[in-house]
């Protein structure tokens, strides 16, 4: 299972993504894992500490695969 980031890169289990939100801007790096057939992003230092990757774009606009 995978989704494409805003550059068209495939993102799946084990990848890291980056996005930002808020004013002032808060940068986030989240590890993607597969859980119950869904791709879930984990960022424990933020609220909420996890999110469904399928719906992330609705809340933050764009997100990108990290070059790690």
PDB file of N, CA and C in Angstrom:
ATOM      1  N   UNK A   1       0.851  -1.180   0.000  1.00  0.00           N
ATOM      2  CA  UNK A   1       0.000   0.000   0.000  1.00  0.00           C
ATOM      3  C   UNK A   1       0.891   1.235   0.000  1.00  0.00           C
ATOM      4  N   UNK A   2       0.513   2.229  -0.773  1.00  0.00           N
ATOM      5  CA  UNK A   2       1.263   3.468  -0.802  1.00  0.00           C
ATOM      6  C   UNK A   2       0.356   4.616  -1.244  1.00  0.00           C
ATOM      7  N   UNK A   3       0.810   5.834  -0.973  1.00  0.00           N
ATOM      8  CA  UNK A   3       0.196   7.056  -1.479  1.00  0.00           C
ATOM      9  C   UNK A   3       1.303   7.857  -2.133  1.00  0.00           C
ATOM     10  N   UNK A   4       0.941   8.852  -2.910  1.00  0.00           N
ATOM     11  CA  UNK A   4       1.938   9.720  -3.532  1.00  0.00           C
ATOM     12  C   UNK A   4       1.944  11.068  -2.830  1.00  0.00           C
ATOM     13  N   UNK A   5       3.157  11.593  -2.613  1.00  0.00           N
ATOM     14  CA  UNK A   5       3.275  12.922  -2.011  1.00  0.00           C
ATOM     15  C   UNK A   5       3.035  13.977  -3.085  1.00  0.00           C
ATOM     16  N   UNK A   6       3.207  15.231  -2.737  1.00  0.00           N
ATOM     17  CA  UNK A   6       2.918  16.314  -3.675  1.00  0.00           C
ATOM     18  C   UNK A   6       3.951  16.458  -4.787  1.00  0.00           C
ATOM     19  N   UNK A   7       5.035  15.702  -4.724  1.00  0.00           N
ATOM     20  CA  UNK A   7       6.003  15.652  -5.819  1.00  0.00           C
ATOM     21  C   UNK A   7       5.824  14.398  -6.668  1.00  0.00           C
ATOM     22  N   UNK A   8       4.862  13.562  -6.305  1.00  0.00           N
ATOM     23  CA  UNK A   8       4.621  12.333  -7.040  1.00  0.00           C
ATOM     24  C   UNK A   8       5.441  11.146  -6.572  1.00  0.00           C
ATOM     25  N   UNK A   9       6.180  11.281  -5.463  1.00  0.00           N
ATOM     26  CA  UNK A   9       6.975  10.188  -4.907  1.00  0.00           C
ATOM     27  C   UNK A   9       6.077   9.227  -4.133  1.00  0.00           C
ATOM     28  N   UNK A  10       6.332   7.940  -4.292  1.00  0.00           N
ATOM     29  CA  UNK A  10       5.571   6.928  -3.558  1.00  0.00           C
ATOM     30  C   UNK A  10       5.998   6.901  -2.096  1.00  0.00           C
ATOM     31  N   UNK A  11       5.010   6.889  -1.205  1.00  0.00           N
ATOM     32  CA  UNK A  11       5.249   6.858   0.235  1.00  0.00           C
ATOM     33  C   UNK A  11       4.503   5.662   0.805  1.00  0.00           C
ATOM     34  N   UNK A  12       5.208   4.862   1.581  1.00  0.00           N
ATOM     35  CA  UNK A  12       4.597   3.678   2.184  1.00  0.00           C
ATOM     36  C   UNK A  12       5.199   3.380   3.538  1.00  0.00           C
ATOM     37  N   UNK A  13       4.967   2.171   3.996  1.00  0.00           N
ATOM     38  CA  UNK A  13       5.434   1.713   5.298  1.00  0.00           C
ATOM     39  C   UNK A  13       6.944   1.920   5.444  1.00  0.00           C
ATOM     40  N   UNK A  14       7.353   2.573   6.544  1.00  0.00           N
ATOM     41  CA  UNK A  14       8.765   2.790   6.836  1.00  0.00           C
ATOM     42  C   UNK A  14       9.331   4.111   6.349  1.00  0.00           C
ATOM     43  N   UNK A  15       8.593   4.841   5.510  1.00  0.00           N
ATOM     44  CA  UNK A  15       9.073   6.134   5.036  1.00  0.00           C
ATOM     45  C   UNK A  15       8.828   7.228   6.070  1.00  0.00           C
ATOM     46  N   UNK A  16       9.524   8.342   5.902  1.00  0.00           N
ATOM     47  CA  UNK A  16       9.339   9.537   6.725  1.00  0.00           C
ATOM     48  C   UNK A  16       8.756  10.619   5.815  1.00  0.00           C
ATOM     49  N   UNK A  17       7.766  11.347   6.314  1.00  0.00           N
ATOM     50  CA  UNK A  17       7.214  12.471   5.551  1.00  0.00           C
ATOM     51  C   UNK A  17       7.412  13.757   6.344  1.00  0.00           C
ATOM     52  N   UNK A  18       7.330  14.886   5.619  1.00  0.00           N
ATOM     53  CA  UNK A  18       7.429  16.209   6.229  1.00  0.00           C
ATOM     54  C   UNK A  18       6.232  17.044   5.810  1.00  0.00           C
ATOM     55  N   UNK A  19       5.744  17.848   6.753  1.00  0.00           N
ATOM     56  CA  UNK A  19       4.692  18.815   6.467  1.00  0.00           C
ATOM     57  C   UNK A  19       4.747  19.890   7.537  1.00  0.00           C
ATOM     58  N   UNK A  20       3.973  20.924   7.364  1.00  0.00           N
ATOM     59  CA  UNK A  20       3.914  21.990   8.373  1.00  0.00           C
ATOM     60  C   UNK A  20       2.472  22.433   8.542  1.00  0.00           C
ATOM     61  N   UNK A  21       2.214  23.090   9.669  1.00  0.00           N
ATOM     62  CA  UNK A  21       0.886  23.601   9.961  1.00  0.00           C
ATOM     63  C   UNK A  21       1.002  24.793  10.899  1.00  0.00           C
ATOM     64  N   UNK A  22      -0.070  25.572  10.985  1.00  0.00           N
ATOM     65  CA  UNK A  22      -0.200  26.625  11.986  1.00  0.00           C
ATOM     66  C   UNK A  22       0.493  27.929  11.690  1.00  0.00           C
ATOM     67  N   UNK A  23       0.189  28.899  12.569  1.00  0.00           N
ATOM     68  CA  UNK A  23       0.819  30.211  12.562  1.00  0.00           C
ATOM     69  C   UNK A  23       1.183  30.510  14.005  1.00  0.00           C
ATOM     70  N   UNK A  24       2.442  30.608  14.371  1.00  0.00           N
ATOM     71  CA  UNK A  24       3.611  30.461  13.507  1.00  0.00           C
ATOM     72  C   UNK A  24       3.739  29.018  13.008  1.00  0.00           C
ATOM     73  N   UNK A  25       4.457  28.842  11.939  1.00  0.00           N
ATOM     74  CA  UNK A  25       4.585  27.548  11.285  1.00  0.00           C
ATOM     75  C   UNK A  25       5.302  26.541  12.183  1.00  0.00           C
ATOM     76  N   UNK A  26       4.715  25.357  12.292  1.00  0.00           N
ATOM     77  CA  UNK A  26       5.295  24.244  13.036  1.00  0.00           C
ATOM     78  C   UNK A  26       5.655  23.166  12.015  1.00  0.00           C
ATOM     79  N   UNK A  27       6.927  22.784  11.958  1.00  0.00           N
ATOM     80  CA  UNK A  27       7.378  21.737  11.041  1.00  0.00           C
ATOM     81  C   UNK A  27       7.261  20.383  11.727  1.00  0.00           C
ATOM     82  N   UNK A  28       6.859  19.373  10.933  1.00  0.00           N
ATOM     83  CA  UNK A  28       6.650  18.030  11.468  1.00  0.00           C
ATOM     84  C   UNK A  28       7.339  17.012  10.569  1.00  0.00           C
ATOM     85  N   UNK A  29       7.996  16.040  11.191  1.00  0.00           N
ATOM     86  CA  UNK A  29       8.491  14.850  10.505  1.00  0.00           C
ATOM     87  C   UNK A  29       7.766  13.680  11.142  1.00  0.00           C
ATOM     88  N   UNK A  30       7.162  12.837  10.319  1.00  0.00           N
ATOM     89  CA  UNK A  30       6.388  11.710  10.838  1.00  0.00           C
ATOM     90  C   UNK A  30       6.789  10.423  10.141  1.00  0.00           C
ATOM     91  N   UNK A  31       6.932   9.370  10.923  1.00  0.00           N
ATOM     92  CA  UNK A  31       7.231   8.048  10.365  1.00  0.00           C
ATOM     93  C   UNK A  31       5.914   7.382   9.990  1.00  0.00           C
ATOM     94  N   UNK A  32       5.891   6.758   8.822  1.00  0.00           N
ATOM     95  CA  UNK A  32       4.694   6.099   8.326  1.00  0.00           C
ATOM     96  C   UNK A  32       4.788   4.596   8.607  1.00  0.00           C
ATOM     97  N   UNK A  33       3.718   4.043   9.164  1.00  0.00           N
ATOM     98  CA  UNK A  33       3.619   2.612   9.423  1.00  0.00           C
ATOM     99  C   UNK A  33       2.248   2.120   8.983  1.00  0.00           C
ATOM    100  N   UNK A  34       2.177   0.846   8.650  1.00  0.00           N
ATOM    101  CA  UNK A  34       0.895   0.264   8.285  1.00  0.00           C
ATOM    102  C   UNK A  34       0.247  -0.329   9.525  1.00  0.00           C
ATOM    103  N   UNK A  35      -1.024   0.010   9.749  1.00  0.00           N
ATOM    104  CA  UNK A  35      -1.752  -0.453  10.926  1.00  0.00           C
ATOM    105  C   UNK A  35      -3.202  -0.705  10.513  1.00  0.00           C
ATOM    106  N   UNK A  36      -3.667  -1.926  10.706  1.00  0.00           N
ATOM    107  CA  UNK A  36      -5.048  -2.293  10.351  1.00  0.00           C
ATOM    108  C   UNK A  36      -5.392  -1.946   8.906  1.00  0.00           C
ATOM    109  N   UNK A  37      -4.443  -2.163   7.994  1.00  0.00           N
ATOM    110  CA  UNK A  37      -4.687  -1.915   6.583  1.00  0.00           C
ATOM    111  C   UNK A  37      -4.650  -0.454   6.172  1.00  0.00           C
ATOM    112  N   UNK A  38      -4.209   0.428   7.064  1.00  0.00           N
ATOM    113  CA  UNK A  38      -4.125   1.862   6.760  1.00  0.00           C
ATOM    114  C   UNK A  38      -2.701   2.332   6.981  1.00  0.00           C
ATOM    115  N   UNK A  39      -2.303   3.381   6.265  1.00  0.00           N
ATOM    116  CA  UNK A  39      -1.008   4.000   6.508  1.00  0.00           C
ATOM    117  C   UNK A  39      -1.196   5.099   7.544  1.00  0.00           C
ATOM    118  N   UNK A  40      -0.500   4.952   8.654  1.00  0.00           N
ATOM    119  CA  UNK A  40      -0.632   5.862   9.794  1.00  0.00           C
ATOM    120  C   UNK A  40       0.694   6.594   9.990  1.00  0.00           C
ATOM    121  N   UNK A  41       0.620   7.899  10.195  1.00  0.00           N
ATOM    122  CA  UNK A  41       1.790   8.696  10.501  1.00  0.00           C
ATOM    123  C   UNK A  41       1.903   8.903  11.999  1.00  0.00           C
ATOM    124  N   UNK A  42       3.128   8.776  12.517  1.00  0.00           N
ATOM    125  CA  UNK A  42       3.366   8.934  13.946  1.00  0.00           C
ATOM    126  C   UNK A  42       4.275  10.130  14.199  1.00  0.00           C
ATOM    127  N   UNK A  43       3.810  11.042  15.044  1.00  0.00           N
ATOM    128  CA  UNK A  43       4.581  12.221  15.445  1.00  0.00           C
ATOM    129  C   UNK A  43       4.231  12.497  16.914  1.00  0.00           C
ATOM    130  N   UNK A  44       4.822  11.730  17.845  1.00  0.00           N
ATOM    131  CA  UNK A  44       4.416  11.762  19.252  1.00  0.00           C
ATOM    132  C   UNK A  44       4.538  13.112  19.947  1.00  0.00           C
ATOM    133  N   UNK A  45       5.367  14.012  19.433  1.00  0.00           N
ATOM    134  CA  UNK A  45       5.526  15.309  20.087  1.00  0.00           C
ATOM    135  C   UNK A  45       4.464  16.326  19.670  1.00  0.00           C
ATOM    136  N   UNK A  46       3.505  15.904  18.838  1.00  0.00           N
ATOM    137  CA  UNK A  46       2.442  16.797  18.351  1.00  0.00           C
ATOM    138  C   UNK A  46       1.076  16.271  18.789  1.00  0.00           C
ATOM    139  N   UNK A  47       0.059  17.101  18.608  1.00  0.00           N
ATOM    140  CA  UNK A  47      -1.296  16.725  18.970  1.00  0.00           C
ATOM    141  C   UNK A  47      -2.192  16.834  17.743  1.00  0.00           C
ATOM    142  N   UNK A  48      -2.740  15.748  17.248  1.00  0.00           N
ATOM    143  CA  UNK A  48      -2.699  14.391  17.758  1.00  0.00           C
ATOM    144  C   UNK A  48      -1.367  13.716  17.419  1.00  0.00           C
ATOM    145  N   UNK A  49      -0.999  12.684  18.179  1.00  0.00           N
ATOM    146  CA  UNK A  49       0.292  12.028  17.975  1.00  0.00           C
ATOM    147  C   UNK A  49       0.323  11.053  16.792  1.00  0.00           C
ATOM    148  N   UNK A  50      -0.834  10.776  16.195  1.00  0.00           N
ATOM    149  CA  UNK A  50      -0.873   9.942  14.999  1.00  0.00           C
ATOM    150  C   UNK A  50      -2.022  10.386  14.111  1.00  0.00           C
ATOM    151  N   UNK A  51      -1.930  10.045  12.821  1.00  0.00           N
ATOM    152  CA  UNK A  51      -2.941  10.466  11.855  1.00  0.00           C
ATOM    153  C   UNK A  51      -2.999   9.470  10.712  1.00  0.00           C
ATOM    154  N   UNK A  52      -4.138   9.462  10.034  1.00  0.00           N
ATOM    155  CA  UNK A  52      -4.325   8.634   8.848  1.00  0.00           C
ATOM    156  C   UNK A  52      -3.749   9.398   7.660  1.00  0.00           C
ATOM    157  N   UNK A  53      -2.784   8.814   6.968  1.00  0.00           N
ATOM    158  CA  UNK A  53      -2.140   9.498   5.847  1.00  0.00           C
ATOM    159  C   UNK A  53      -3.138   9.845   4.751  1.00  0.00           C
ATOM    160  N   UNK A  54      -4.152   9.019   4.555  1.00  0.00           N
ATOM    161  CA  UNK A  54      -5.156   9.268   3.517  1.00  0.00           C
ATOM    162  C   UNK A  54      -5.835  10.628   3.689  1.00  0.00           C
ATOM    163  N   UNK A  55      -6.042  11.067   4.925  1.00  0.00           N
ATOM    164  CA  UNK A  55      -6.776  12.313   5.170  1.00  0.00           C
ATOM    165  C   UNK A  55      -5.883  13.500   5.524  1.00  0.00           C
ATOM    166  N   UNK A  56      -4.567  13.304   5.570  1.00  0.00           N
ATOM    167  CA  UNK A  56      -3.663  14.382   5.997  1.00  0.00           C
ATOM    168  C   UNK A  56      -3.788  15.628   5.134  1.00  0.00           C
ATOM    169  N   UNK A  57      -3.869  15.471   3.824  1.00  0.00           N
ATOM    170  CA  UNK A  57      -3.900  16.618   2.907  1.00  0.00           C
ATOM    171  C   UNK A  57      -5.087  17.542   3.196  1.00  0.00           C
ATOM    172  N   UNK A  58      -6.155  16.981   3.715  1.00  0.00           N
ATOM    173  CA  UNK A  58      -7.334  17.790   4.056  1.00  0.00           C
ATOM    174  C   UNK A  58      -7.020  18.790   5.169  1.00  0.00           C
ATOM    175  N   UNK A  59      -6.065  18.455   6.033  1.00  0.00           N
ATOM    176  CA  UNK A  59      -5.758  19.288   7.190  1.00  0.00           C
ATOM    177  C   UNK A  59      -4.521  20.165   7.030  1.00  0.00           C
ATOM    178  N   UNK A  60      -3.538  19.726   6.255  1.00  0.00           N
ATOM    179  CA  UNK A  60      -2.296  20.486   6.156  1.00  0.00           C
ATOM    180  C   UNK A  60      -1.980  20.968   4.750  1.00  0.00           C
ATOM    181  N   UNK A  61      -2.766  20.609   3.771  1.00  0.00           N
ATOM    182  CA  UNK A  61      -2.471  21.030   2.400  1.00  0.00           C
ATOM    183  C   UNK A  61      -1.503  20.086   1.729  1.00  0.00           C
ATOM    184  N   UNK A  62      -0.230  20.349   1.820  1.00  0.00           N
ATOM    185  CA  UNK A  62       0.756  19.512   1.128  1.00  0.00           C
ATOM    186  C   UNK A  62       1.679  18.812   2.110  1.00  0.00           C
ATOM    187  N   UNK A  63       2.224  17.689   1.652  1.00  0.00           N
ATOM    188  CA  UNK A  63       3.217  16.942   2.432  1.00  0.00           C
ATOM    189  C   UNK A  63       4.153  16.258   1.464  1.00  0.00           C
ATOM    190  N   UNK A  64       5.364  15.958   1.950  1.00  0.00           N
ATOM    191  CA  UNK A  64       6.430  15.453   1.087  1.00  0.00           C
ATOM    192  C   UNK A  64       7.209  14.329   1.751  1.00  0.00           C
ATOM    193  N   UNK A  65       7.688  13.402   0.944  1.00  0.00           N
ATOM    194  CA  UNK A  65       8.574  12.344   1.423  1.00  0.00           C
ATOM    195  C   UNK A  65       9.906  12.958   1.799  1.00  0.00           C
ATOM    196  N   UNK A  66      10.411  12.610   2.973  1.00  0.00           N
ATOM    197  CA  UNK A  66      11.691  13.149   3.430  1.00  0.00           C
ATOM    198  C   UNK A  66      12.831  12.486   2.681  1.00  0.00           C
ATOM    199  N   UNK A  67      13.877  13.232   2.400  1.00  0.00           N
ATOM    200  CA  UNK A  67      15.066  12.716   1.720  1.00  0.00           C
ATOM    201  C   UNK A  67      16.036  12.175   2.750  1.00  0.00           C
ATOM    202  N   UNK A  68      15.684  11.043   3.342  1.00  0.00           N
ATOM    203  CA  UNK A  68      16.531  10.448   4.384  1.00  0.00           C
ATOM    204  C   UNK A  68      17.121   9.151   3.863  1.00  0.00           C
TER     205      UNK A  68
END
